[in-house]
Amino acid sequence: MSKNSKNKGSTFERDICKQLSLWLTEGKRDDIFWRTAASGGRATNRAKVSKKTSGGYGDINFLDPLGEGLLKLFCFELKRGYKDLSVLSYIDRRPAKTKTVLEEFWDQAVTSAEQSGAHFPLVIFKRDLHKPCVMFPVEFFSIAKNYFGYFLYPTAKVSFQGDDGFFTLVITTMESFLEYVNPNVIDSILADIEDLGR
């Protein structure tokens, strides 16, 4: 990865952290979340020797306890600047290519979520000159619709066999996702998930 690509990725991570902070606090604060040290690399290395790393998983950590609930719900992986991010790449790929970029993103997100103890992996990715998008398991809707109704924004769905099982994922813009999810009920969603034993 070039130095320019790394800088673009770092800027993207900072921007997403600020956006999530403003969303969570309804525009009052932009400092609830920040980039995880080494993009979660330290936690990944420690996990290889069965050691936990508090707040070290995925690409986003919370600086204020207000953000803890969201990171119990989702473990975030952030990706910026990749070329091959089309859902069609999964459908019409050449036989020699074993995984698409989106599949690689998802496998990494699942591993991070399992290590962190979050209930759902969530990938935020952005193609050059396009809006940021999110990718998450369709199972999230089975609980979310009880609070927010049906998701009526444009989406794409893709199903594939990942490293840890078969997944059906929803892809939509980050803007649509944040409009749909009300941050004030995150604690209630977490309680529902725990009651269901998920």
C-alpha atoms as a PDB file:
ATOM      1  CA  MET A   1       0.000   0.000   0.000  1.00  0.00           C
ATOM      2  CA  SER A   2       1.388   3.416  -0.948  1.00  0.00           C
ATOM      3  CA  LYS A   3       1.969   6.236   1.538  1.00  0.00           C
ATOM      4  CA  ASN A   4      -0.804   8.194  -0.156  1.00  0.00           C
ATOM      5  CA  SER A   5      -3.217   5.272   0.274  1.00  0.00           C
ATOM      6  CA  LYS A   6      -2.350   5.015   3.964  1.00  0.00           C
ATOM      7  CA  ASN A   7      -2.945   8.753   4.418  1.00  0.00           C
ATOM      8  CA  LYS A   8      -6.300   8.495   2.664  1.00  0.00           C
ATOM      9  CA  GLY A   9      -7.245   5.583   4.912  1.00  0.00           C
ATOM     10  CA  SER A  10      -6.230   7.444   8.070  1.00  0.00           C
ATOM     11  CA  THR A  11      -8.200  10.517   7.059  1.00  0.00           C
ATOM     12  CA  PHE A  12     -11.219   8.355   6.275  1.00  0.00           C
ATOM     13  CA  GLU A  13     -11.029   6.670   9.688  1.00  0.00           C
ATOM     14  CA  ARG A  14     -10.844  10.036  11.460  1.00  0.00           C
ATOM     15  CA  ASP A  15     -13.781  11.393   9.452  1.00  0.00           C
ATOM     16  CA  ILE A  16     -15.927   8.339  10.213  1.00  0.00           C
ATOM     17  CA  CYS A  17     -15.106   8.551  13.936  1.00  0.00           C
ATOM     18  CA  LYS A  18     -16.214  12.182  13.989  1.00  0.00           C
ATOM     19  CA  GLN A  19     -19.370  11.404  12.003  1.00  0.00           C
ATOM     20  CA  LEU A  20     -20.350   8.578  14.359  1.00  0.00           C
ATOM     21  CA  SER A  21     -19.638  10.793  17.369  1.00  0.00           C
ATOM     22  CA  LEU A  22     -21.868  13.575  16.037  1.00  0.00           C
ATOM     23  CA  TRP A  23     -24.604  11.046  15.153  1.00  0.00           C
ATOM     24  CA  LEU A  24     -24.532   9.450  18.599  1.00  0.00           C
ATOM     25  CA  THR A  25     -24.699  12.808  20.419  1.00  0.00           C
ATOM     26  CA  GLU A  26     -27.145  14.435  17.973  1.00  0.00           C
ATOM     27  CA  GLY A  27     -24.548  16.931  16.818  1.00  0.00           C
ATOM     28  CA  LYS A  28     -23.250  17.944  20.235  1.00  0.00           C
ATOM     29  CA  ARG A  29     -19.833  16.230  20.261  1.00  0.00           C
ATOM     30  CA  ASP A  30     -17.353  14.897  17.733  1.00  0.00           C
ATOM     31  CA  ASP A  31     -14.938  13.209  20.145  1.00  0.00           C
ATOM     32  CA  ILE A  32     -16.703  10.058  21.373  1.00  0.00           C
ATOM     33  CA  PHE A  33     -14.905   7.675  19.005  1.00  0.00           C
ATOM     34  CA  TRP A  34     -11.386   7.534  17.611  1.00  0.00           C
ATOM     35  CA  ARG A  35      -9.156   5.240  15.609  1.00  0.00           C
ATOM     36  CA  THR A  36      -8.026   2.037  17.266  1.00  0.00           C
ATOM     37  CA  ALA A  37      -4.271   1.912  17.827  1.00  0.00           C
ATOM     38  CA  ALA A  38      -2.567   0.236  14.848  1.00  0.00           C
ATOM     39  CA  SER A  39      -6.043  -0.350  13.340  1.00  0.00           C
ATOM     40  CA  GLY A  40      -6.630  -3.256  15.696  1.00  0.00           C
ATOM     41  CA  GLY A  41      -3.352  -4.942  14.773  1.00  0.00           C
ATOM     42  CA  ARG A  42      -2.127  -5.142  18.350  1.00  0.00           C
ATOM     43  CA  ALA A  43      -5.299  -6.917  19.467  1.00  0.00           C
ATOM     44  CA  THR A  44      -5.055  -9.308  16.526  1.00  0.00           C
ATOM     45  CA  ASN A  45      -1.491 -10.262  17.409  1.00  0.00           C
ATOM     46  CA  ARG A  46      -2.334 -10.695  21.095  1.00  0.00           C
ATOM     47  CA  ALA A  47      -5.351 -12.852  20.178  1.00  0.00           C
ATOM     48  CA  LYS A  48      -2.984 -15.300  18.484  1.00  0.00           C
ATOM     49  CA  VAL A  49      -1.574 -16.102  21.923  1.00  0.00           C
ATOM     50  CA  SER A  50      -5.033 -16.078  23.593  1.00  0.00           C
ATOM     51  CA  LYS A  51      -4.671 -12.615  25.142  1.00  0.00           C
ATOM     52  CA  LYS A  52      -7.506 -10.079  25.247  1.00  0.00           C
ATOM     53  CA  THR A  53      -6.944  -6.390  24.472  1.00  0.00           C
ATOM     54  CA  SER A  54      -9.577  -4.073  25.890  1.00  0.00           C
ATOM     55  CA  GLY A  55     -10.801  -1.556  23.304  1.00  0.00           C
ATOM     56  CA  GLY A  56      -8.329  -2.812  20.712  1.00  0.00           C
ATOM     57  CA  TYR A  57     -10.513  -4.571  18.161  1.00  0.00           C
ATOM     58  CA  GLY A  58     -11.658  -3.372  14.772  1.00  0.00           C
ATOM     59  CA  ASP A  59     -10.826   0.110  13.535  1.00  0.00           C
ATOM     60  CA  ILE A  60     -12.863   2.210  15.997  1.00  0.00           C
ATOM     61  CA  ASN A  61     -12.553   2.575  19.764  1.00  0.00           C
ATOM     62  CA  PHE A  62     -14.486   4.779  22.178  1.00  0.00           C
ATOM     63  CA  LEU A  63     -12.838   7.618  24.104  1.00  0.00           C
ATOM     64  CA  ASP A  64     -15.946   8.334  26.174  1.00  0.00           C
ATOM     65  CA  PRO A  65     -18.170   5.716  27.867  1.00  0.00           C
ATOM     66  CA  LEU A  66     -21.093   7.108  25.858  1.00  0.00           C
ATOM     67  CA  GLY A  67     -19.743   5.134  22.929  1.00  0.00           C
ATOM     68  CA  GLU A  68     -19.437   1.788  24.670  1.00  0.00           C
ATOM     69  CA  GLY A  69     -22.918   0.558  23.771  1.00  0.00           C
ATOM     70  CA  LEU A  70     -22.443   1.063  20.038  1.00  0.00           C
ATOM     71  CA  LEU A  71     -19.203  -0.920  20.129  1.00  0.00           C
ATOM     72  CA  LYS A  72     -20.924  -3.727  22.006  1.00  0.00           C
ATOM     73  CA  LEU A  73     -23.476  -3.816  19.210  1.00  0.00           C
ATOM     74  CA  PHE A  74     -21.065  -3.482  16.269  1.00  0.00           C
ATOM     75  CA  CYS A  75     -17.381  -4.073  15.672  1.00  0.00           C
ATOM     76  CA  PHE A  76     -16.357  -1.691  12.891  1.00  0.00           C
ATOM     77  CA  GLU A  77     -13.905  -2.348  10.086  1.00  0.00           C
ATOM     78  CA  LEU A  78     -13.147   0.651   7.844  1.00  0.00           C
ATOM     79  CA  LYS A  79     -11.880   0.373   4.270  1.00  0.00           C
ATOM     80  CA  ARG A  80     -11.036   3.154   1.842  1.00  0.00           C
ATOM     81  CA  GLY A  81      -9.791   3.393  -1.735  1.00  0.00           C
ATOM     82  CA  TYR A  82     -10.096  -0.161  -3.045  1.00  0.00           C
ATOM     83  CA  LYS A  83     -10.967  -0.527  -6.717  1.00  0.00           C
ATOM     84  CA  ASP A  84     -12.813  -3.858  -6.879  1.00  0.00           C
ATOM     85  CA  LEU A  85     -15.765  -3.245  -4.570  1.00  0.00           C
ATOM     86  CA  SER A  86     -18.635  -4.267  -6.826  1.00  0.00           C
ATOM     87  CA  VAL A  87     -21.159  -6.842  -5.641  1.00  0.00           C
ATOM     88  CA  LEU A  88     -21.061  -8.173  -9.214  1.00  0.00           C
ATOM     89  CA  SER A  89     -17.445  -9.188  -8.644  1.00  0.00           C
ATOM     90  CA  TYR A  90     -18.815 -11.930  -6.419  1.00  0.00           C
ATOM     91  CA  ILE A  91     -21.218 -13.115  -9.114  1.00  0.00           C
ATOM     92  CA  ASP A  92     -19.066 -12.983 -12.252  1.00  0.00           C
ATOM     93  CA  ARG A  93     -15.534 -13.414 -10.902  1.00  0.00           C
ATOM     94  CA  ARG A  94     -13.055 -15.608 -12.680  1.00  0.00           C
ATOM     95  CA  PRO A  95     -12.804 -19.136 -11.275  1.00  0.00           C
ATOM     96  CA  ALA A  96      -9.124 -18.622 -10.395  1.00  0.00           C
ATOM     97  CA  LYS A  97      -9.958 -15.816  -7.980  1.00  0.00           C
ATOM     98  CA  THR A  98     -10.945 -17.430  -4.696  1.00  0.00           C
ATOM     99  CA  LYS A  99     -12.207 -14.355  -2.828  1.00  0.00           C
ATOM    100  CA  THR A 100     -13.466 -10.928  -3.756  1.00  0.00           C
ATOM    101  CA  VAL A 101     -12.369  -7.821  -1.859  1.00  0.00           C
ATOM    102  CA  LEU A 102     -15.750  -7.618  -0.117  1.00  0.00           C
ATOM    103  CA  GLU A 103     -15.431 -11.216   1.068  1.00  0.00           C
ATOM    104  CA  GLU A 104     -11.968 -10.491   2.432  1.00  0.00           C
ATOM    105  CA  PHE A 105     -13.346  -7.435   4.235  1.00  0.00           C
ATOM    106  CA  TRP A 106     -16.131  -9.505   5.735  1.00  0.00           C
ATOM    107  CA  ASP A 107     -13.940 -12.339   6.959  1.00  0.00           C
ATOM    108  CA  GLN A 108     -11.719  -9.793   8.716  1.00  0.00           C
ATOM    109  CA  ALA A 109     -14.762  -8.080  10.259  1.00  0.00           C
ATOM    110  CA  VAL A 110     -16.162 -11.382  11.553  1.00  0.00           C
ATOM    111  CA  THR A 111     -12.858 -12.273  13.192  1.00  0.00           C
ATOM    112  CA  SER A 112     -12.609  -8.851  14.854  1.00  0.00           C
ATOM    113  CA  ALA A 113     -16.206  -9.038  16.106  1.00  0.00           C
ATOM    114  CA  GLU A 114     -15.652 -12.491  17.577  1.00  0.00           C
ATOM    115  CA  GLN A 115     -12.501 -11.336  19.352  1.00  0.00           C
ATOM    116  CA  SER A 116     -14.149  -8.171  20.688  1.00  0.00           C
ATOM    117  CA  GLY A 117     -17.400  -9.830  21.776  1.00  0.00           C
ATOM    118  CA  ALA A 118     -19.520  -7.432  19.686  1.00  0.00           C
ATOM    119  CA  HIS A 119     -22.850  -8.816  18.480  1.00  0.00           C
ATOM    120  CA  PHE A 120     -22.471  -7.861  14.804  1.00  0.00           C
ATOM    121  CA  PRO A 121     -19.589  -7.149  12.436  1.00  0.00           C
ATOM    122  CA  LEU A 122     -20.038  -4.017  10.333  1.00  0.00           C
ATOM    123  CA  VAL A 123     -17.823  -2.853   7.468  1.00  0.00           C
ATOM    124  CA  ILE A 124     -17.756   0.783   6.365  1.00  0.00           C
ATOM    125  CA  PHE A 125     -16.116   1.202   2.980  1.00  0.00           C
ATOM    126  CA  LYS A 126     -15.750   3.979   0.451  1.00  0.00           C
ATOM    127  CA  ARG A 127     -14.896   3.888  -3.207  1.00  0.00           C
ATOM    128  CA  ASP A 128     -13.143   6.908  -4.689  1.00  0.00           C
ATOM    129  CA  LEU A 129     -15.627   9.638  -5.664  1.00  0.00           C
ATOM    130  CA  HIS A 130     -18.539   7.739  -4.040  1.00  0.00           C
ATOM    131  CA  LYS A 131     -20.447   7.862  -0.776  1.00  0.00           C
ATOM    132  CA  PRO A 132     -19.372   5.691   2.170  1.00  0.00           C
ATOM    133  CA  CYS A 133     -21.342   2.451   2.382  1.00  0.00           C
ATOM    134  CA  VAL A 134     -21.956  -0.040   5.162  1.00  0.00           C
ATOM    135  CA  MET A 135     -22.162  -3.833   5.020  1.00  0.00           C
ATOM    136  CA  PHE A 136     -23.743  -5.810   7.863  1.00  0.00           C
ATOM    137  CA  PRO A 137     -25.618  -9.099   8.473  1.00  0.00           C
ATOM    138  CA  VAL A 138     -29.276  -9.204   7.476  1.00  0.00           C
ATOM    139  CA  GLU A 139     -30.004 -10.653  10.952  1.00  0.00           C
ATOM    140  CA  PHE A 140     -29.628  -7.158  12.402  1.00  0.00           C
ATOM    141  CA  PHE A 141     -32.959  -6.266  10.776  1.00  0.00           C
ATOM    142  CA  SER A 142     -34.846  -8.937  12.735  1.00  0.00           C
ATOM    143  CA  ILE A 143     -34.341  -6.825  15.850  1.00  0.00           C
ATOM    144  CA  ALA A 144     -34.015  -3.343  14.334  1.00  0.00           C
ATOM    145  CA  LYS A 145     -37.395  -3.475  12.571  1.00  0.00           C
ATOM    146  CA  ASN A 146     -39.106  -3.736  15.965  1.00  0.00           C
ATOM    147  CA  TYR A 147     -37.777  -0.256  16.708  1.00  0.00           C
ATOM    148  CA  PHE A 148     -37.483   1.464  13.340  1.00  0.00           C
ATOM    149  CA  GLY A 149     -39.846  -0.391  11.007  1.00  0.00           C
ATOM    150  CA  TYR A 150     -38.780  -1.786   7.661  1.00  0.00           C
ATOM    151  CA  PHE A 151     -35.664  -0.489   5.957  1.00  0.00           C
ATOM    152  CA  LEU A 152     -36.961   1.490   2.983  1.00  0.00           C
ATOM    153  CA  TYR A 153     -33.663   2.763   1.593  1.00  0.00           C
ATOM    154  CA  PRO A 154     -31.830   1.405  -1.478  1.00  0.00           C
ATOM    155  CA  THR A 155     -29.883  -1.752  -0.657  1.00  0.00           C
ATOM    156  CA  ALA A 156     -28.011  -4.624  -2.224  1.00  0.00           C
ATOM    157  CA  LYS A 157     -27.857  -8.074  -0.678  1.00  0.00           C
ATOM    158  CA  VAL A 158     -25.212 -10.696  -1.203  1.00  0.00           C
ATOM    159  CA  SER A 159     -24.881 -14.198   0.231  1.00  0.00           C
ATOM    160  CA  PHE A 160     -21.691 -16.191   0.361  1.00  0.00           C
ATOM    161  CA  GLN A 161     -19.762 -18.823   2.234  1.00  0.00           C
ATOM    162  CA  GLY A 162     -17.216 -17.096   4.447  1.00  0.00           C
ATOM    163  CA  ASP A 163     -14.450 -18.495   6.620  1.00  0.00           C
ATOM    164  CA  ASP A 164     -16.864 -18.774   9.564  1.00  0.00           C
ATOM    165  CA  GLY A 165     -20.111 -19.816   7.911  1.00  0.00           C
ATOM    166  CA  PHE A 166     -22.735 -18.758   5.386  1.00  0.00           C
ATOM    167  CA  PHE A 167     -23.696 -15.083   5.461  1.00  0.00           C
ATOM    168  CA  THR A 168     -26.381 -12.910   3.906  1.00  0.00           C
ATOM    169  CA  LEU A 169     -25.255  -9.303   4.026  1.00  0.00           C
ATOM    170  CA  VAL A 170     -26.960  -5.982   3.396  1.00  0.00           C
ATOM    171  CA  ILE A 171     -25.113  -3.118   1.709  1.00  0.00           C
ATOM    172  CA  THR A 172     -26.429   0.436   1.818  1.00  0.00           C
ATOM    173  CA  THR A 173     -25.060   3.936   2.185  1.00  0.00           C
ATOM    174  CA  MET A 174     -23.783   4.957   5.590  1.00  0.00           C
ATOM    175  CA  GLU A 175     -26.053   7.992   5.363  1.00  0.00           C
ATOM    176  CA  SER A 176     -29.142   5.783   4.999  1.00  0.00           C
ATOM    177  CA  PHE A 177     -28.039   3.488   7.814  1.00  0.00           C
ATOM    178  CA  LEU A 178     -27.549   6.374  10.252  1.00  0.00           C
ATOM    179  CA  GLU A 179     -30.906   7.877   9.279  1.00  0.00           C
ATOM    180  CA  TYR A 180     -32.585   4.532   9.971  1.00  0.00           C
ATOM    181  CA  VAL A 181     -30.960   3.687  13.312  1.00  0.00           C
ATOM    182  CA  ASN A 182     -31.870   5.922  16.255  1.00  0.00           C
ATOM    183  CA  PRO A 183     -28.853   6.049  18.584  1.00  0.00           C
ATOM    184  CA  ASN A 184     -31.078   6.655  21.613  1.00  0.00           C
ATOM    185  CA  VAL A 185     -32.301   3.042  21.639  1.00  0.00           C
ATOM    186  CA  ILE A 186     -28.972   1.232  21.327  1.00  0.00           C
ATOM    187  CA  ASP A 187     -29.116   0.119  24.961  1.00  0.00           C
ATOM    188  CA  SER A 188     -32.625  -1.279  24.415  1.00  0.00           C
ATOM    189  CA  ILE A 189     -31.466  -3.179  21.326  1.00  0.00           C
ATOM    190  CA  LEU A 190     -28.568  -4.631  23.308  1.00  0.00           C
ATOM    191  CA  ALA A 191     -30.984  -5.739  26.041  1.00  0.00           C
ATOM    192  CA  ASP A 192     -33.203  -7.458  23.453  1.00  0.00           C
ATOM    193  CA  ILE A 193     -30.239  -9.269  21.966  1.00  0.00           C
ATOM    194  CA  GLU A 194     -29.132 -10.494  25.397  1.00  0.00           C
ATOM    195  CA  ASP A 195     -32.678 -11.670  26.185  1.00  0.00           C
ATOM    196  CA  LEU A 196     -32.621 -13.675  22.960  1.00  0.00           C
ATOM    197  CA  GLY A 197     -29.296 -15.155  23.972  1.00  0.00           C
ATOM    198  CA  ARG A 198     -27.605 -14.087  20.757  1.00  0.00           C
END
